[in-house]
Amino acid sequence: MARINVNPTRMELKRLKARLKTAQRGHKLLKDKTDEMVRRFSVLLRETERLQGEVEAEVVQVLRQFSLARGSMSKKEIELVFSMPAVSLTLECTTANVLNLEIPKLHLEETQGEELPYSFAEVTSEADYAVAAAGKLVSRLLLLAEKEKATAMLAEEIERSKRRVNALEYVMIPDLEETIRYISQKLEENERASLTRLMKVKSMLEERGT
């Protein structure tokens, strides 16, 4: 806590009291915003962790089916099957406002073909499943990427807000309060000194009158 270097005048005291009031109001608003961001971050983090677990399980399943298909098909056939698009995707990237923070929002349109883009006689059922599951997995991976990015951005914003709250709470507000206290004491001392001088002058005038 340090005193601000200002002249101890009534005008300066009035100005500092106004600054203190603004700082206290800003501190409350910023703290409320930070608390709300922490709440939303907790909800988003739980959703992200849940989705991450589901997607990881789906990826493992796709890879397992792919391994089974690779064991019963030639390398050329595998490359041919998995190089053909099973779904058509259109991705639109926008942003969403969360407590004045712009986070990415992905809008995915998926067009599923009526049938897989190869002959069923050419591939095994494991490959069919792996291709279909991989096509469905794309949208889930994009959703996970969106949530992970939003979680990271929200965490960074929370840290910035906490630093601002701490700067107001532990630096600016205490410094303003200390300076206001100092000026108030100086003004009171000056008033007492002025009153003492007036009383002394009055006493001297009374002595001369007698």
C-alpha atoms as a PDB file:
ATOM      1  CA  MET A   1       0.000   0.000   0.000  1.00  0.00           C
ATOM      2  CA  ALA A   2       1.509   3.305  -1.130  1.00  0.00           C
ATOM      3  CA  ARG A   3       0.290   6.859  -0.942  1.00  0.00           C
ATOM      4  CA  ILE A   4      -0.278   8.689  -4.230  1.00  0.00           C
ATOM      5  CA  ASN A   5       1.861  11.796  -4.594  1.00  0.00           C
ATOM      6  CA  VAL A   6      -0.716  14.619  -4.754  1.00  0.00           C
ATOM      7  CA  ASN A   7      -1.271  18.010  -3.131  1.00  0.00           C
ATOM      8  CA  PRO A   8      -3.389  17.731   0.054  1.00  0.00           C
ATOM      9  CA  THR A   9      -6.213  20.047  -1.033  1.00  0.00           C
ATOM     10  CA  ARG A  10      -9.980  19.796  -0.785  1.00  0.00           C
ATOM     11  CA  MET A  11     -10.269  19.710  -4.577  1.00  0.00           C
ATOM     12  CA  GLU A  12      -7.831  16.791  -4.748  1.00  0.00           C
ATOM     13  CA  LEU A  13      -9.693  15.027  -1.944  1.00  0.00           C
ATOM     14  CA  LYS A  14     -12.970  15.335  -3.836  1.00  0.00           C
ATOM     15  CA  ARG A  15     -11.354  14.028  -7.031  1.00  0.00           C
ATOM     16  CA  LEU A  16      -9.786  11.036  -5.251  1.00  0.00           C
ATOM     17  CA  LYS A  17     -13.069  10.124  -3.552  1.00  0.00           C
ATOM     18  CA  ALA A  18     -14.740  10.071  -6.966  1.00  0.00           C
ATOM     19  CA  ARG A  19     -11.936   7.834  -8.306  1.00  0.00           C
ATOM     20  CA  LEU A  20     -12.292   5.529  -5.312  1.00  0.00           C
ATOM     21  CA  LYS A  21     -16.032   5.198  -5.843  1.00  0.00           C
ATOM     22  CA  THR A  22     -15.492   4.385  -9.537  1.00  0.00           C
ATOM     23  CA  ALA A  23     -12.760   1.856  -8.703  1.00  0.00           C
ATOM     24  CA  GLN A  24     -14.955   0.112  -6.110  1.00  0.00           C
ATOM     25  CA  ARG A  25     -17.865  -0.087  -8.539  1.00  0.00           C
ATOM     26  CA  GLY A  26     -15.573  -1.375 -11.307  1.00  0.00           C
ATOM     27  CA  HIS A  27     -14.102  -3.949  -8.918  1.00  0.00           C
ATOM     28  CA  LYS A  28     -17.548  -5.297  -8.048  1.00  0.00           C
ATOM     29  CA  LEU A  29     -18.655  -5.511 -11.687  1.00  0.00           C
ATOM     30  CA  LEU A  30     -15.397  -7.149 -12.761  1.00  0.00           C
ATOM     31  CA  LYS A  31     -15.503  -9.633  -9.878  1.00  0.00           C
ATOM     32  CA  ASP A  32     -19.118 -10.562 -10.703  1.00  0.00           C
ATOM     33  CA  LYS A  33     -18.127 -11.037 -14.348  1.00  0.00           C
ATOM     34  CA  THR A  34     -15.154 -13.198 -13.349  1.00  0.00           C
ATOM     35  CA  ASP A  35     -17.331 -15.352 -11.084  1.00  0.00           C
ATOM     36  CA  GLU A  36     -19.828 -15.871 -13.912  1.00  0.00           C
ATOM     37  CA  MET A  37     -17.011 -16.765 -16.336  1.00  0.00           C
ATOM     38  CA  VAL A  38     -15.679 -19.312 -13.832  1.00  0.00           C
ATOM     39  CA  ARG A  39     -19.164 -20.847 -13.553  1.00  0.00           C
ATOM     40  CA  ARG A  40     -19.544 -21.094 -17.343  1.00  0.00           C
ATOM     41  CA  PHE A  41     -15.988 -22.407 -17.658  1.00  0.00           C
ATOM     42  CA  SER A  42     -16.780 -25.217 -15.203  1.00  0.00           C
ATOM     43  CA  VAL A  43     -19.884 -26.207 -17.173  1.00  0.00           C
ATOM     44  CA  LEU A  44     -18.019 -26.033 -20.495  1.00  0.00           C
ATOM     45  CA  LEU A  45     -15.076 -28.009 -19.107  1.00  0.00           C
ATOM     46  CA  ARG A  46     -17.368 -30.836 -17.959  1.00  0.00           C
ATOM     47  CA  GLU A  47     -19.041 -30.917 -21.388  1.00  0.00           C
ATOM     48  CA  THR A  48     -15.657 -30.925 -23.136  1.00  0.00           C
ATOM     49  CA  GLU A  49     -14.283 -33.737 -20.972  1.00  0.00           C
ATOM     50  CA  ARG A  50     -17.427 -35.809 -21.518  1.00  0.00           C
ATOM     51  CA  LEU A  51     -17.306 -35.266 -25.293  1.00  0.00           C
ATOM     52  CA  GLN A  52     -13.582 -35.966 -25.351  1.00  0.00           C
ATOM     53  CA  GLY A  53     -14.114 -39.318 -23.662  1.00  0.00           C
ATOM     54  CA  GLU A  54     -16.902 -40.240 -26.101  1.00  0.00           C
ATOM     55  CA  VAL A  55     -14.883 -39.202 -29.176  1.00  0.00           C
ATOM     56  CA  GLU A  56     -11.789 -41.074 -27.988  1.00  0.00           C
ATOM     57  CA  ALA A  57     -13.886 -44.225 -27.554  1.00  0.00           C
ATOM     58  CA  GLU A  58     -15.340 -43.778 -31.053  1.00  0.00           C
ATOM     59  CA  VAL A  59     -11.863 -43.258 -32.548  1.00  0.00           C
ATOM     60  CA  VAL A  60     -10.627 -46.446 -30.872  1.00  0.00           C
ATOM     61  CA  GLN A  61     -13.601 -48.341 -32.297  1.00  0.00           C
ATOM     62  CA  VAL A  62     -12.996 -46.985 -35.815  1.00  0.00           C
ATOM     63  CA  LEU A  63      -9.309 -47.884 -35.627  1.00  0.00           C
ATOM     64  CA  ARG A  64     -10.174 -51.368 -34.373  1.00  0.00           C
ATOM     65  CA  GLN A  65     -12.512 -51.944 -37.320  1.00  0.00           C
ATOM     66  CA  PHE A  66      -9.919 -50.489 -39.666  1.00  0.00           C
ATOM     67  CA  SER A  67      -7.323 -52.936 -38.317  1.00  0.00           C
ATOM     68  CA  LEU A  68      -9.719 -55.848 -38.878  1.00  0.00           C
ATOM     69  CA  ALA A  69     -10.432 -54.659 -42.421  1.00  0.00           C
ATOM     70  CA  ARG A  70      -6.719 -54.273 -43.163  1.00  0.00           C
ATOM     71  CA  GLY A  71      -6.147 -57.859 -42.099  1.00  0.00           C
ATOM     72  CA  SER A  72      -8.556 -59.214 -44.727  1.00  0.00           C
ATOM     73  CA  MET A  73      -7.928 -56.757 -47.602  1.00  0.00           C
ATOM     74  CA  SER A  74      -4.939 -55.761 -49.656  1.00  0.00           C
ATOM     75  CA  LYS A  75      -3.156 -52.453 -49.084  1.00  0.00           C
ATOM     76  CA  LYS A  76      -4.353 -51.184 -52.472  1.00  0.00           C
ATOM     77  CA  GLU A  77      -7.984 -52.024 -51.688  1.00  0.00           C
ATOM     78  CA  ILE A  78      -7.748 -50.357 -48.268  1.00  0.00           C
ATOM     79  CA  GLU A  79      -6.272 -47.163 -49.761  1.00  0.00           C
ATOM     80  CA  LEU A  80      -8.979 -47.093 -52.429  1.00  0.00           C
ATOM     81  CA  VAL A  81     -11.826 -47.526 -49.942  1.00  0.00           C
ATOM     82  CA  PHE A  82     -10.594 -44.894 -47.477  1.00  0.00           C
ATOM     83  CA  SER A  83      -9.655 -42.343 -50.147  1.00  0.00           C
ATOM     84  CA  MET A  84     -13.288 -42.077 -51.270  1.00  0.00           C
ATOM     85  CA  PRO A  85     -15.430 -39.496 -49.407  1.00  0.00           C
ATOM     86  CA  ALA A  86     -18.330 -41.150 -47.627  1.00  0.00           C
ATOM     87  CA  VAL A  87     -19.909 -37.801 -46.678  1.00  0.00           C
ATOM     88  CA  SER A  88     -19.867 -34.258 -48.024  1.00  0.00           C
ATOM     89  CA  LEU A  89     -19.226 -31.508 -45.463  1.00  0.00           C
ATOM     90  CA  THR A  90     -19.779 -27.756 -45.547  1.00  0.00           C
ATOM     91  CA  LEU A  91     -18.213 -25.816 -42.688  1.00  0.00           C
ATOM     92  CA  GLU A  92     -19.071 -22.243 -41.706  1.00  0.00           C
ATOM     93  CA  CYS A  93     -16.978 -20.498 -39.059  1.00  0.00           C
ATOM     94  CA  THR A  94     -18.583 -17.717 -37.021  1.00  0.00           C
ATOM     95  CA  THR A  95     -18.197 -16.370 -33.490  1.00  0.00           C
ATOM     96  CA  ALA A  96     -20.384 -16.285 -30.394  1.00  0.00           C
ATOM     97  CA  ASN A  97     -20.258 -13.633 -27.670  1.00  0.00           C
ATOM     98  CA  VAL A  98     -19.770 -14.958 -24.148  1.00  0.00           C
ATOM     99  CA  LEU A  99     -19.494 -12.104 -21.609  1.00  0.00           C
ATOM    100  CA  ASN A 100     -17.835  -9.849 -24.231  1.00  0.00           C
ATOM    101  CA  LEU A 101     -15.478 -12.649 -25.279  1.00  0.00           C
ATOM    102  CA  GLU A 102     -15.682 -13.731 -28.922  1.00  0.00           C
ATOM    103  CA  ILE A 103     -15.337 -17.511 -29.127  1.00  0.00           C
ATOM    104  CA  PRO A 104     -15.380 -19.564 -32.357  1.00  0.00           C
ATOM    105  CA  LYS A 105     -18.578 -21.265 -33.456  1.00  0.00           C
ATOM    106  CA  LEU A 106     -18.557 -23.966 -36.119  1.00  0.00           C
ATOM    107  CA  HIS A 107     -21.657 -24.685 -38.186  1.00  0.00           C
ATOM    108  CA  LEU A 108     -21.366 -27.975 -40.034  1.00  0.00           C
ATOM    109  CA  GLU A 109     -23.701 -29.213 -42.751  1.00  0.00           C
ATOM    110  CA  GLU A 110     -23.271 -32.869 -43.548  1.00  0.00           C
ATOM    111  CA  THR A 111     -24.627 -34.498 -46.666  1.00  0.00           C
ATOM    112  CA  GLN A 112     -24.721 -38.269 -46.492  1.00  0.00           C
ATOM    113  CA  GLY A 113     -24.768 -40.158 -49.763  1.00  0.00           C
ATOM    114  CA  GLU A 114     -27.467 -42.726 -50.386  1.00  0.00           C
ATOM    115  CA  GLU A 115     -24.845 -45.432 -50.514  1.00  0.00           C
ATOM    116  CA  LEU A 116     -21.127 -45.852 -49.925  1.00  0.00           C
ATOM    117  CA  PRO A 117     -18.921 -44.800 -52.886  1.00  0.00           C
ATOM    118  CA  TYR A 118     -17.699 -48.283 -53.747  1.00  0.00           C
ATOM    119  CA  SER A 119     -19.026 -51.712 -54.519  1.00  0.00           C
ATOM    120  CA  PHE A 120     -19.993 -53.833 -51.520  1.00  0.00           C
ATOM    121  CA  ALA A 121     -18.493 -56.848 -53.275  1.00  0.00           C
ATOM    122  CA  GLU A 122     -15.043 -55.219 -53.149  1.00  0.00           C
ATOM    123  CA  VAL A 123     -14.779 -54.727 -49.393  1.00  0.00           C
ATOM    124  CA  THR A 124     -15.468 -56.498 -46.127  1.00  0.00           C
ATOM    125  CA  SER A 125     -18.148 -55.596 -43.596  1.00  0.00           C
ATOM    126  CA  GLU A 126     -15.428 -54.320 -41.229  1.00  0.00           C
ATOM    127  CA  ALA A 127     -14.325 -51.814 -43.867  1.00  0.00           C
ATOM    128  CA  ASP A 128     -17.946 -50.774 -44.438  1.00  0.00           C
ATOM    129  CA  TYR A 129     -18.355 -50.082 -40.736  1.00  0.00           C
ATOM    130  CA  ALA A 130     -15.017 -48.267 -40.463  1.00  0.00           C
ATOM    131  CA  VAL A 131     -15.840 -45.962 -43.402  1.00  0.00           C
ATOM    132  CA  ALA A 132     -19.327 -45.162 -42.108  1.00  0.00           C
ATOM    133  CA  ALA A 133     -18.113 -44.590 -38.551  1.00  0.00           C
ATOM    134  CA  ALA A 134     -15.226 -42.391 -39.728  1.00  0.00           C
ATOM    135  CA  GLY A 135     -17.683 -40.254 -41.702  1.00  0.00           C
ATOM    136  CA  LYS A 136     -19.868 -39.737 -38.635  1.00  0.00           C
ATOM    137  CA  LEU A 137     -16.820 -39.029 -36.490  1.00  0.00           C
ATOM    138  CA  VAL A 138     -15.811 -35.901 -38.422  1.00  0.00           C
ATOM    139  CA  SER A 139     -18.637 -33.756 -37.054  1.00  0.00           C
ATOM    140  CA  ARG A 140     -17.914 -34.960 -33.523  1.00  0.00           C
ATOM    141  CA  LEU A 141     -14.223 -34.081 -33.887  1.00  0.00           C
ATOM    142  CA  LEU A 142     -15.112 -30.579 -35.088  1.00  0.00           C
ATOM    143  CA  LEU A 143     -17.513 -30.098 -32.168  1.00  0.00           C
ATOM    144  CA  LEU A 144     -14.782 -31.225 -29.769  1.00  0.00           C
ATOM    145  CA  ALA A 145     -12.298 -28.810 -31.370  1.00  0.00           C
ATOM    146  CA  GLU A 146     -14.803 -25.963 -30.958  1.00  0.00           C
ATOM    147  CA  LYS A 147     -15.361 -26.712 -27.273  1.00  0.00           C
ATOM    148  CA  GLU A 148     -11.661 -27.185 -26.533  1.00  0.00           C
ATOM    149  CA  LYS A 149     -10.835 -23.828 -28.156  1.00  0.00           C
ATOM    150  CA  ALA A 150     -13.646 -22.081 -26.266  1.00  0.00           C
ATOM    151  CA  THR A 151     -12.449 -23.639 -22.998  1.00  0.00           C
ATOM    152  CA  ALA A 152      -8.873 -22.461 -23.579  1.00  0.00           C
ATOM    153  CA  MET A 153      -9.970 -18.918 -24.512  1.00  0.00           C
ATOM    154  CA  LEU A 154     -12.278 -18.688 -21.503  1.00  0.00           C
ATOM    155  CA  ALA A 155      -9.479 -19.857 -19.193  1.00  0.00           C
ATOM    156  CA  GLU A 156      -7.164 -17.139 -20.543  1.00  0.00           C
ATOM    157  CA  GLU A 157      -9.855 -14.468 -20.125  1.00  0.00           C
ATOM    158  CA  ILE A 158     -10.505 -15.597 -16.544  1.00  0.00           C
ATOM    159  CA  GLU A 159      -6.800 -15.199 -15.736  1.00  0.00           C
ATOM    160  CA  ARG A 160      -6.773 -11.691 -17.226  1.00  0.00           C
ATOM    161  CA  SER A 161      -9.914 -10.715 -15.295  1.00  0.00           C
ATOM    162  CA  LYS A 162      -8.470 -12.089 -12.043  1.00  0.00           C
ATOM    163  CA  ARG A 163      -5.332 -10.008 -12.522  1.00  0.00           C
ATOM    164  CA  ARG A 164      -7.451  -6.875 -13.017  1.00  0.00           C
ATOM    165  CA  VAL A 165      -9.582  -7.688  -9.961  1.00  0.00           C
ATOM    166  CA  ASN A 166      -6.439  -8.213  -7.853  1.00  0.00           C
ATOM    167  CA  ALA A 167      -4.871  -4.983  -9.137  1.00  0.00           C
ATOM    168  CA  LEU A 168      -7.973  -3.052  -8.101  1.00  0.00           C
ATOM    169  CA  GLU A 169      -8.444  -4.874  -4.796  1.00  0.00           C
ATOM    170  CA  TYR A 170      -4.839  -4.952  -3.573  1.00  0.00           C
ATOM    171  CA  VAL A 171      -3.210  -1.947  -5.271  1.00  0.00           C
ATOM    172  CA  MET A 172      -5.427   0.816  -6.620  1.00  0.00           C
ATOM    173  CA  ILE A 173      -8.209   0.857  -3.998  1.00  0.00           C
ATOM    174  CA  PRO A 174      -5.841   0.612  -0.975  1.00  0.00           C
ATOM    175  CA  ASP A 175      -3.612   3.349  -2.453  1.00  0.00           C
ATOM    176  CA  LEU A 176      -6.606   5.629  -2.987  1.00  0.00           C
ATOM    177  CA  GLU A 177      -7.910   4.951   0.538  1.00  0.00           C
ATOM    178  CA  GLU A 178      -4.485   5.652   2.059  1.00  0.00           C
ATOM    179  CA  THR A 179      -4.140   8.906   0.097  1.00  0.00           C
ATOM    180  CA  ILE A 180      -7.653  10.031   1.050  1.00  0.00           C
ATOM    181  CA  ARG A 181      -6.840   9.285   4.682  1.00  0.00           C
ATOM    182  CA  TYR A 182      -3.605  11.277   4.440  1.00  0.00           C
ATOM    183  CA  ILE A 183      -5.264  14.323   2.821  1.00  0.00           C
ATOM    184  CA  SER A 184      -8.125  14.252   5.327  1.00  0.00           C
ATOM    185  CA  GLN A 185      -5.641  14.232   8.218  1.00  0.00           C
ATOM    186  CA  LYS A 186      -3.625  17.083   6.692  1.00  0.00           C
ATOM    187  CA  LEU A 187      -6.756  19.170   6.167  1.00  0.00           C
ATOM    188  CA  GLU A 188      -7.844  18.519   9.756  1.00  0.00           C
ATOM    189  CA  GLU A 189      -4.383  19.542  10.995  1.00  0.00           C
ATOM    190  CA  ASN A 190      -4.546  22.720   8.934  1.00  0.00           C
ATOM    191  CA  GLU A 191      -8.005  23.508  10.326  1.00  0.00           C
ATOM    192  CA  ARG A 192      -6.783  22.993  13.889  1.00  0.00           C
ATOM    193  CA  ALA A 193      -3.752  25.172  13.239  1.00  0.00           C
ATOM    194  CA  SER A 194      -5.961  27.905  11.741  1.00  0.00           C
ATOM    195  CA  LEU A 195      -8.355  27.700  14.681  1.00  0.00           C
ATOM    196  CA  THR A 196      -5.427  27.974  17.134  1.00  0.00           C
ATOM    197  CA  ARG A 197      -4.106  31.050  15.346  1.00  0.00           C
ATOM    198  CA  LEU A 198      -7.555  32.662  15.371  1.00  0.00           C
ATOM    199  CA  MET A 199      -7.955  32.011  19.075  1.00  0.00           C
ATOM    200  CA  LYS A 200      -4.503  33.455  19.759  1.00  0.00           C
ATOM    201  CA  VAL A 201      -5.293  36.584  17.709  1.00  0.00           C
ATOM    202  CA  LYS A 202      -8.602  36.963  19.543  1.00  0.00           C
ATOM    203  CA  SER A 203      -6.831  36.614  22.854  1.00  0.00           C
ATOM    204  CA  MET A 204      -4.258  39.260  21.895  1.00  0.00           C
ATOM    205  CA  LEU A 205      -6.995  41.675  20.770  1.00  0.00           C
ATOM    206  CA  GLU A 206      -8.848  41.175  24.032  1.00  0.00           C
ATOM    207  CA  GLU A 207      -5.672  41.889  26.045  1.00  0.00           C
ATOM    208  CA  ARG A 208      -5.081  45.113  24.085  1.00  0.00           C
ATOM    209  CA  GLY A 209      -8.696  46.159  24.709  1.00  0.00           C
ATOM    210  CA  THR A 210      -8.255  45.877  28.435  1.00  0.00           C
END
